[in-house]
């Protein structure tokens, strides 16, 4: 009777799902290689699982749903051999993956790689060889991470778009530069219609003292929508107000470029002042706050004036009286005043 095989395919990025360079071991390459190898060995593939966009270095085995599913199938005795394209498809964590492989072996499952053969744990030498293999895979992942960070840092230093979502206020344009795959690299340029909205947000924050919620309501009230056609949310406004890219600075992790004037929507002084005002609105910075929390109504000084006796911050209080007039109606008289909480309550 032919031995039953479960196959596990894994790629670290979604770009490797359907097409990529062969040396990246994309899903179709792994699947074909495993099927051909199983046919050669006279095995029968009974189940195939694939992990898309799952890092074998960053994601723990306990958090990988497909791997846990295969472990459950192993406990139920539904297959005899676990087959992968290369052993690093099982993981790249030197302090974890060898024990995952050993778990399968202890549960009667033979673990095979198309390119590296069977992984055994019959002797001390086998265990040492396996640990060295995953230690090397772990090191390669760290080197890849360093190379990626370095490349991203170099891209922002050169003013090139590193990918991802395009910030509101900008659009992508052809750069005339080709990458290694002969694809044209795009660059950022200012979208003047959106840039006017961004400048309006900063002006309302700095010039009028508006908070994120009021800015969102005011802009939405003027009929200005987001790219998706919805009203503005205060969290989106806050993200824009905190994004240093609007000063013309590109950033990737700890790498930060010089100012590219052609990408500058807001000057650095305005941006810095906006950060200061928003920070002062946070409760933890009440002691240093100079900007009033209220910008309308009868209590513009609330929170910014202090008691002359104890130095405590004055707060607003109101009360009122209802009086009847000669015509049978009522008149409500409202009294607004600043008080010291410490003096009144203590």
Protein backbone atom coordinates (compact mmCIF):
# COMPACT_ATOMS: atom_id res chain seq x y z
CA UNK A 1 0.00 0.00 0.00
CA UNK A 2 1.36 3.41 -1.01
CA UNK A 3 2.31 5.73 1.82
CA UNK A 4 0.07 8.74 2.37
CA UNK A 5 1.60 12.22 2.10
CA UNK A 6 0.62 15.66 3.39
CA UNK A 7 2.34 18.58 1.66
CA UNK A 8 2.98 22.01 3.15
CA UNK A 9 3.84 24.99 0.93
CA UNK A 10 4.81 28.39 2.32
CA UNK A 11 5.81 31.78 0.95
CA UNK A 12 6.73 34.81 3.00
CA UNK A 13 5.09 37.41 0.75
CA UNK A 14 1.83 37.47 -1.19
CA UNK A 15 3.78 38.40 -4.33
CA UNK A 16 5.13 34.84 -4.46
CA UNK A 17 1.70 33.18 -4.62
CA UNK A 18 1.27 32.91 -8.39
CA UNK A 19 4.37 34.33 -10.01
CA UNK A 20 7.89 35.27 -9.10
CA UNK A 21 11.43 34.33 -9.90
CA UNK A 22 12.06 30.59 -9.63
CA UNK A 23 14.76 31.00 -7.03
CA UNK A 24 12.16 32.51 -4.69
CA UNK A 25 10.36 29.10 -4.52
CA UNK A 26 6.86 30.39 -5.16
CA UNK A 27 3.80 28.22 -4.54
CA UNK A 28 3.50 26.71 -8.07
CA UNK A 29 7.19 25.74 -8.04
CA UNK A 30 6.88 24.08 -4.63
CA UNK A 31 3.67 22.27 -5.57
CA UNK A 32 5.05 20.87 -8.84
CA UNK A 33 8.32 19.78 -7.24
CA UNK A 34 6.52 17.99 -4.38
CA UNK A 35 4.07 16.24 -6.71
CA UNK A 36 6.84 15.07 -9.03
CA UNK A 37 8.88 13.84 -6.06
CA UNK A 38 5.88 11.95 -4.60
CA UNK A 39 5.24 10.25 -7.96
CA UNK A 40 8.89 9.25 -8.17
CA UNK A 41 8.80 7.74 -4.67
CA UNK A 42 5.48 5.96 -5.27
CA UNK A 43 3.66 7.99 -2.62
CA UNK A 44 0.08 9.27 -2.71
CA UNK A 45 -0.61 12.90 -1.79
CA UNK A 46 -3.78 12.97 0.30
CA UNK A 47 -3.72 16.60 1.43
CA UNK A 48 -2.01 19.88 0.52
CA UNK A 49 -1.89 23.05 2.63
CA UNK A 50 -0.35 26.39 1.73
CA UNK A 51 0.62 29.39 3.83
CA UNK A 52 0.59 32.70 1.97
CA UNK A 53 2.47 35.71 3.29
CA UNK A 54 3.61 33.88 6.45
CA UNK A 55 7.14 34.49 7.67
CA UNK A 56 8.83 31.38 9.00
CA UNK A 57 11.11 33.59 11.07
CA UNK A 58 8.71 36.15 12.55
CA UNK A 59 5.61 33.98 13.07
CA UNK A 60 5.64 31.32 15.78
CA UNK A 61 4.57 27.79 14.91
CA UNK A 62 1.72 28.08 17.42
CA UNK A 63 0.30 30.99 15.42
CA UNK A 64 0.43 29.25 12.03
CA UNK A 65 -3.04 27.83 11.38
CA UNK A 66 -2.04 25.51 8.54
CA UNK A 67 0.82 23.98 10.49
CA UNK A 68 -1.49 23.40 13.45
CA UNK A 69 -4.01 21.77 11.12
CA UNK A 70 -1.37 19.35 9.82
CA UNK A 71 -0.33 18.53 13.40
CA UNK A 72 -3.94 17.71 14.19
CA UNK A 73 -4.13 15.44 11.13
CA UNK A 74 -0.93 13.75 12.32
CA UNK A 75 -2.50 13.02 15.71
CA UNK A 76 -5.48 11.49 13.91
CA UNK A 77 -3.19 9.26 11.83
CA UNK A 78 -4.41 10.59 8.48
CA UNK A 79 -1.00 10.54 6.75
CA UNK A 80 2.43 8.92 7.01
CA UNK A 81 4.84 11.48 5.49
CA UNK A 82 5.08 15.27 5.67
CA UNK A 83 6.67 16.56 2.47
CA UNK A 84 7.99 20.09 1.88
CA UNK A 85 10.01 21.73 -0.88
CA UNK A 86 12.81 22.63 1.54
CA UNK A 87 12.99 22.24 5.29
CA UNK A 88 12.99 26.02 5.82
CA UNK A 89 9.35 25.94 4.59
CA UNK A 90 8.57 24.46 8.01
CA UNK A 91 10.15 27.47 9.69
CA UNK A 92 13.34 29.45 10.21
CA UNK A 93 13.41 29.83 13.99
CA UNK A 94 16.49 28.10 15.33
CA UNK A 95 15.04 27.80 18.83
CA UNK A 96 11.69 26.38 17.70
CA UNK A 97 11.57 24.69 14.29
CA UNK A 98 13.83 21.68 15.13
CA UNK A 99 11.43 20.79 17.95
CA UNK A 100 8.44 21.11 15.60
CA UNK A 101 10.06 18.62 13.20
CA UNK A 102 10.97 16.32 16.07
CA UNK A 103 7.33 16.44 17.23
CA UNK A 104 6.19 14.96 13.90
CA UNK A 105 8.85 12.24 14.04
CA UNK A 106 7.82 11.28 17.58
CA UNK A 107 4.22 10.97 16.36
CA UNK A 108 5.24 8.49 13.68
CA UNK A 109 5.37 10.95 10.79
CA UNK A 110 8.42 10.89 8.52
CA UNK A 111 9.52 14.36 7.41
CA UNK A 112 10.93 14.73 3.91
CA UNK A 113 12.26 17.58 1.80
CA UNK A 114 12.38 17.42 -2.00
CA UNK A 115 15.87 18.94 -2.01
CA UNK A 116 17.36 17.65 1.26
CA UNK A 117 15.95 14.18 1.80
CA UNK A 118 14.56 12.81 5.03
CA UNK A 119 15.12 14.49 8.37
CA UNK A 120 16.01 12.00 11.07
CA UNK A 121 16.44 12.12 14.84
CA UNK A 122 17.94 8.67 15.39
CA UNK A 123 21.30 9.79 16.75
CA UNK A 124 23.05 12.68 18.41
CA UNK A 125 24.66 13.51 15.06
CA UNK A 126 21.23 13.75 13.42
CA UNK A 127 20.03 16.18 16.07
CA UNK A 128 23.17 18.29 15.82
CA UNK A 129 22.89 18.42 12.01
CA UNK A 130 19.26 19.49 12.23
CA UNK A 131 19.98 22.25 14.72
CA UNK A 132 22.82 23.54 12.55
CA UNK A 133 20.52 23.56 9.51
CA UNK A 134 17.89 25.70 11.25
CA UNK A 135 20.52 27.88 12.85
CA UNK A 136 21.76 28.66 9.32
CA UNK A 137 18.18 29.32 8.13
CA UNK A 138 17.66 31.63 11.11
CA UNK A 139 20.81 33.52 10.20
CA UNK A 140 19.74 33.84 6.57
CA UNK A 141 16.43 35.35 7.69
CA UNK A 142 18.26 37.92 9.80
CA UNK A 143 20.55 38.77 6.88
CA UNK A 144 17.53 39.13 4.59
CA UNK A 145 15.89 41.45 7.09
CA UNK A 146 19.03 43.59 7.29
CA UNK A 147 19.34 43.72 3.49
CA UNK A 148 15.67 44.72 3.17
CA UNK A 149 15.96 47.48 5.76
CA UNK A 150 19.13 48.76 4.12
CA UNK A 151 17.50 48.78 0.68
CA UNK A 152 14.42 50.59 2.01
CA UNK A 153 16.62 53.13 3.76
CA UNK A 154 18.57 53.75 0.57
CA UNK A 155 15.33 54.22 -1.37
CA UNK A 156 14.02 56.93 0.96
CA UNK A 157 17.41 58.66 0.98
CA UNK A 158 17.20 58.83 -2.80
CA UNK A 159 13.62 60.08 -2.70
CA UNK A 160 12.13 56.97 -4.26
CA UNK A 161 8.72 55.56 -3.31
CA UNK A 162 9.22 52.37 -1.30
CA UNK A 163 5.73 50.96 -1.88
CA UNK A 164 2.59 50.64 0.18
CA UNK A 165 -0.30 53.05 0.39
CA UNK A 166 0.15 56.47 -1.20
CA UNK A 167 -0.38 59.20 1.43
CA UNK A 168 -3.33 61.51 0.91
CA UNK A 169 -2.07 64.61 -0.87
CA UNK A 170 0.19 62.70 -3.26
CA UNK A 171 -0.11 60.52 -6.34
CA UNK A 172 2.23 58.16 -8.17
CA UNK A 173 3.95 59.16 -11.40
CA UNK A 174 6.43 57.36 -13.70
CA UNK A 175 10.05 58.00 -12.71
CA UNK A 176 11.82 56.66 -15.79
CA UNK A 177 13.92 54.38 -13.56
CA UNK A 178 13.84 50.60 -14.07
CA UNK A 179 14.32 48.08 -11.26
CA UNK A 180 16.12 44.74 -11.50
CA UNK A 181 13.08 43.16 -13.13
CA UNK A 182 12.97 45.87 -15.78
CA UNK A 183 9.78 47.34 -14.31
CA UNK A 184 9.48 51.11 -14.13
CA UNK A 185 9.64 52.49 -10.59
CA UNK A 186 7.04 55.07 -9.63
CA UNK A 187 7.73 58.25 -7.71
CA UNK A 188 5.58 60.49 -5.53
CA UNK A 189 4.32 63.86 -6.68
CA UNK A 190 1.93 66.35 -5.10
CA UNK A 191 -1.76 66.12 -5.95
CA UNK A 192 -2.76 69.78 -5.67
CA UNK A 193 -6.46 69.12 -5.04
CA UNK A 194 -5.70 66.84 -2.09
CA UNK A 195 -2.80 69.01 -0.94
CA UNK A 196 -5.19 71.94 -0.42
CA UNK A 197 -7.21 69.78 1.98
CA UNK A 198 -4.06 68.79 3.88
CA UNK A 199 -3.03 72.46 4.23
CA UNK A 200 -6.54 73.28 5.42
CA UNK A 201 -6.23 70.67 8.18
CA UNK A 202 -2.93 72.08 9.42
CA UNK A 203 -4.24 75.66 9.25
CA UNK A 204 -7.32 74.73 11.30
CA UNK A 205 -5.11 72.95 13.83
CA UNK A 206 -2.46 75.67 14.17
CA UNK A 207 -4.34 78.84 13.28
CA UNK A 208 -7.73 78.11 14.85
CA UNK A 209 -6.79 75.59 17.53
CA UNK A 210 -9.23 72.99 16.25
CA UNK A 211 -8.93 69.38 17.39
CA UNK A 212 -9.09 66.35 15.10
CA UNK A 213 -12.81 65.76 15.58
CA UNK A 214 -13.80 69.33 14.77
CA UNK A 215 -11.49 69.42 11.76
CA UNK A 216 -13.05 66.21 10.44
CA UNK A 217 -16.58 67.55 10.94
CA UNK A 218 -15.79 70.91 9.35
CA UNK A 219 -14.15 69.45 6.25
CA UNK A 220 -16.91 66.88 5.81
CA UNK A 221 -19.47 69.65 6.28
CA UNK A 222 -17.94 71.47 3.31
CA UNK A 223 -18.66 68.46 1.12
CA UNK A 224 -15.02 67.35 0.93
CA UNK A 225 -14.77 63.56 0.97
CA UNK A 226 -11.96 61.08 1.42
CA UNK A 227 -10.55 59.14 -1.53
CA UNK A 228 -13.10 56.41 -0.88
CA UNK A 229 -15.95 58.93 -0.99
CA UNK A 230 -16.76 58.86 2.73
CA UNK A 231 -16.81 61.56 5.38
CA UNK A 232 -13.62 62.24 7.28
CA UNK A 233 -12.96 60.46 10.58
CA UNK A 234 -10.96 62.06 13.36
CA UNK A 235 -8.47 59.15 13.35
CA UNK A 236 -7.72 59.77 9.66
CA UNK A 237 -7.24 63.47 10.31
CA UNK A 238 -4.92 62.64 13.21
CA UNK A 239 -2.85 60.33 11.01
CA UNK A 240 -2.41 63.12 8.46
CA UNK A 241 -1.49 65.72 11.08
CA UNK A 242 1.20 63.40 12.49
CA UNK A 243 2.69 62.35 9.14
CA UNK A 244 6.10 63.97 8.63
CA UNK A 245 5.95 63.14 4.92
CA UNK A 246 3.99 66.37 4.35
CA UNK A 247 7.15 68.34 5.16
CA UNK A 248 8.86 66.60 2.23
CA UNK A 249 10.68 64.03 4.39
CA UNK A 250 10.50 60.35 3.43
CA UNK A 251 10.89 57.73 6.13
CA UNK A 252 11.32 53.97 6.39
CA UNK A 253 11.75 52.64 9.91
CA UNK A 254 14.68 54.50 11.45
CA UNK A 255 15.88 55.80 8.08
CA UNK A 256 14.83 59.34 7.22
CA UNK A 257 15.63 61.46 4.19
CA UNK A 258 16.48 65.10 3.87
CA UNK A 259 13.67 67.47 2.85
CA UNK A 260 12.60 67.15 -0.78
CA UNK A 261 11.12 70.55 -1.58
CA UNK A 262 9.15 69.20 -4.53
CA UNK A 263 7.24 66.97 -2.07
CA UNK A 264 6.68 69.58 0.64
CA UNK A 265 3.02 70.41 1.32
CA UNK A 266 3.46 71.91 4.82
CA UNK A 267 6.50 73.80 6.05
CA UNK A 268 8.45 72.24 8.96
CA UNK A 269 7.63 75.10 11.37
CA UNK A 270 3.88 74.62 10.91
CA UNK A 271 4.24 70.86 11.26
CA UNK A 272 6.27 71.18 14.48
CA UNK A 273 3.75 73.61 15.96
CA UNK A 274 0.90 71.24 15.12
CA UNK A 275 2.72 68.43 16.95
CA UNK A 276 3.22 70.66 20.00
CA UNK A 277 -0.42 71.73 20.13
CA UNK A 278 -1.72 68.19 19.72
CA UNK A 279 0.64 66.92 22.42
CA UNK A 280 -0.61 69.57 24.84
CA UNK A 281 -4.17 68.36 24.36
CA UNK A 282 -3.27 64.94 25.76
CA UNK A 283 -4.29 64.61 29.40
CA UNK A 284 -0.79 63.53 30.46
CA UNK A 285 0.54 66.97 29.42
CA UNK A 286 -2.07 69.13 31.14
CA UNK A 287 0.58 70.79 33.29
CA UNK A 288 2.44 72.11 30.23
CA UNK A 289 -0.63 73.00 28.18
CA UNK A 290 -0.91 76.56 26.82
CA UNK A 291 -3.59 75.94 24.21
CA UNK A 292 -7.22 76.06 25.44
CA UNK A 293 -9.19 72.89 24.96
CA UNK A 294 -12.28 74.94 24.15
CA UNK A 295 -12.23 77.34 21.23
CA UNK A 296 -15.84 78.48 21.40
CA UNK A 297 -18.39 79.28 24.07
CA UNK A 298 -18.11 81.19 27.33
CA UNK A 299 -15.07 79.48 28.85
CA UNK A 300 -12.11 80.07 26.55
CA UNK A 301 -9.73 80.33 29.51
CA UNK A 302 -10.82 77.08 31.15
CA UNK A 303 -7.74 75.07 32.11
CA UNK A 304 -5.31 77.91 31.39
CA UNK A 305 -5.78 80.14 34.43
CA UNK A 306 -4.71 79.35 37.97
CA UNK A 307 -5.72 80.07 41.53
CA UNK A 308 -3.73 82.88 43.17
CA UNK A 309 -3.81 81.11 46.55
CA UNK A 310 -2.99 77.45 45.90
CA UNK A 311 -1.82 77.56 42.27
CA UNK A 312 -4.42 75.01 41.19
CA UNK A 313 -5.98 75.12 37.75
CA UNK A 314 -9.31 76.92 37.61
CA UNK A 315 -12.29 75.15 36.12
CA UNK A 316 -15.67 76.23 34.88
CA UNK A 317 -18.88 75.94 36.85
CA UNK A 318 -22.40 77.06 36.08
CA UNK A 319 -25.65 77.44 37.94
CA UNK A 320 -28.94 79.08 37.19
CA UNK A 321 -32.20 80.33 38.59
CA UNK A 322 -35.70 80.23 37.22
CA UNK A 323 -37.92 83.27 37.77
CA UNK A 324 -41.53 83.85 36.84
CA UNK A 325 -42.44 87.08 35.12
CA UNK A 326 -45.69 89.06 35.24
CA UNK A 327 -46.91 87.58 31.98
CA UNK A 328 -46.94 84.05 33.43
CA UNK A 329 -43.77 82.91 31.67
CA UNK A 330 -40.47 81.83 33.08
CA UNK A 331 -36.99 83.26 32.66
CA UNK A 332 -33.86 81.17 33.14
CA UNK A 333 -30.77 83.04 34.24
CA UNK A 334 -27.51 81.15 33.78
CA UNK A 335 -24.38 82.09 35.71
CA UNK A 336 -20.95 81.01 34.41
CA UNK A 337 -17.82 81.47 36.47
CA UNK A 338 -14.34 80.08 37.10
CA UNK A 339 -13.65 78.36 40.44
CA UNK A 340 -10.74 76.65 42.11
CA UNK A 341 -11.60 73.02 42.78
CA UNK A 342 -9.04 72.75 45.61
CA UNK A 343 -10.38 75.74 47.50
CA UNK A 344 -14.02 74.82 47.07
CA UNK A 345 -13.86 71.13 47.83
CA UNK A 346 -10.97 70.90 50.29
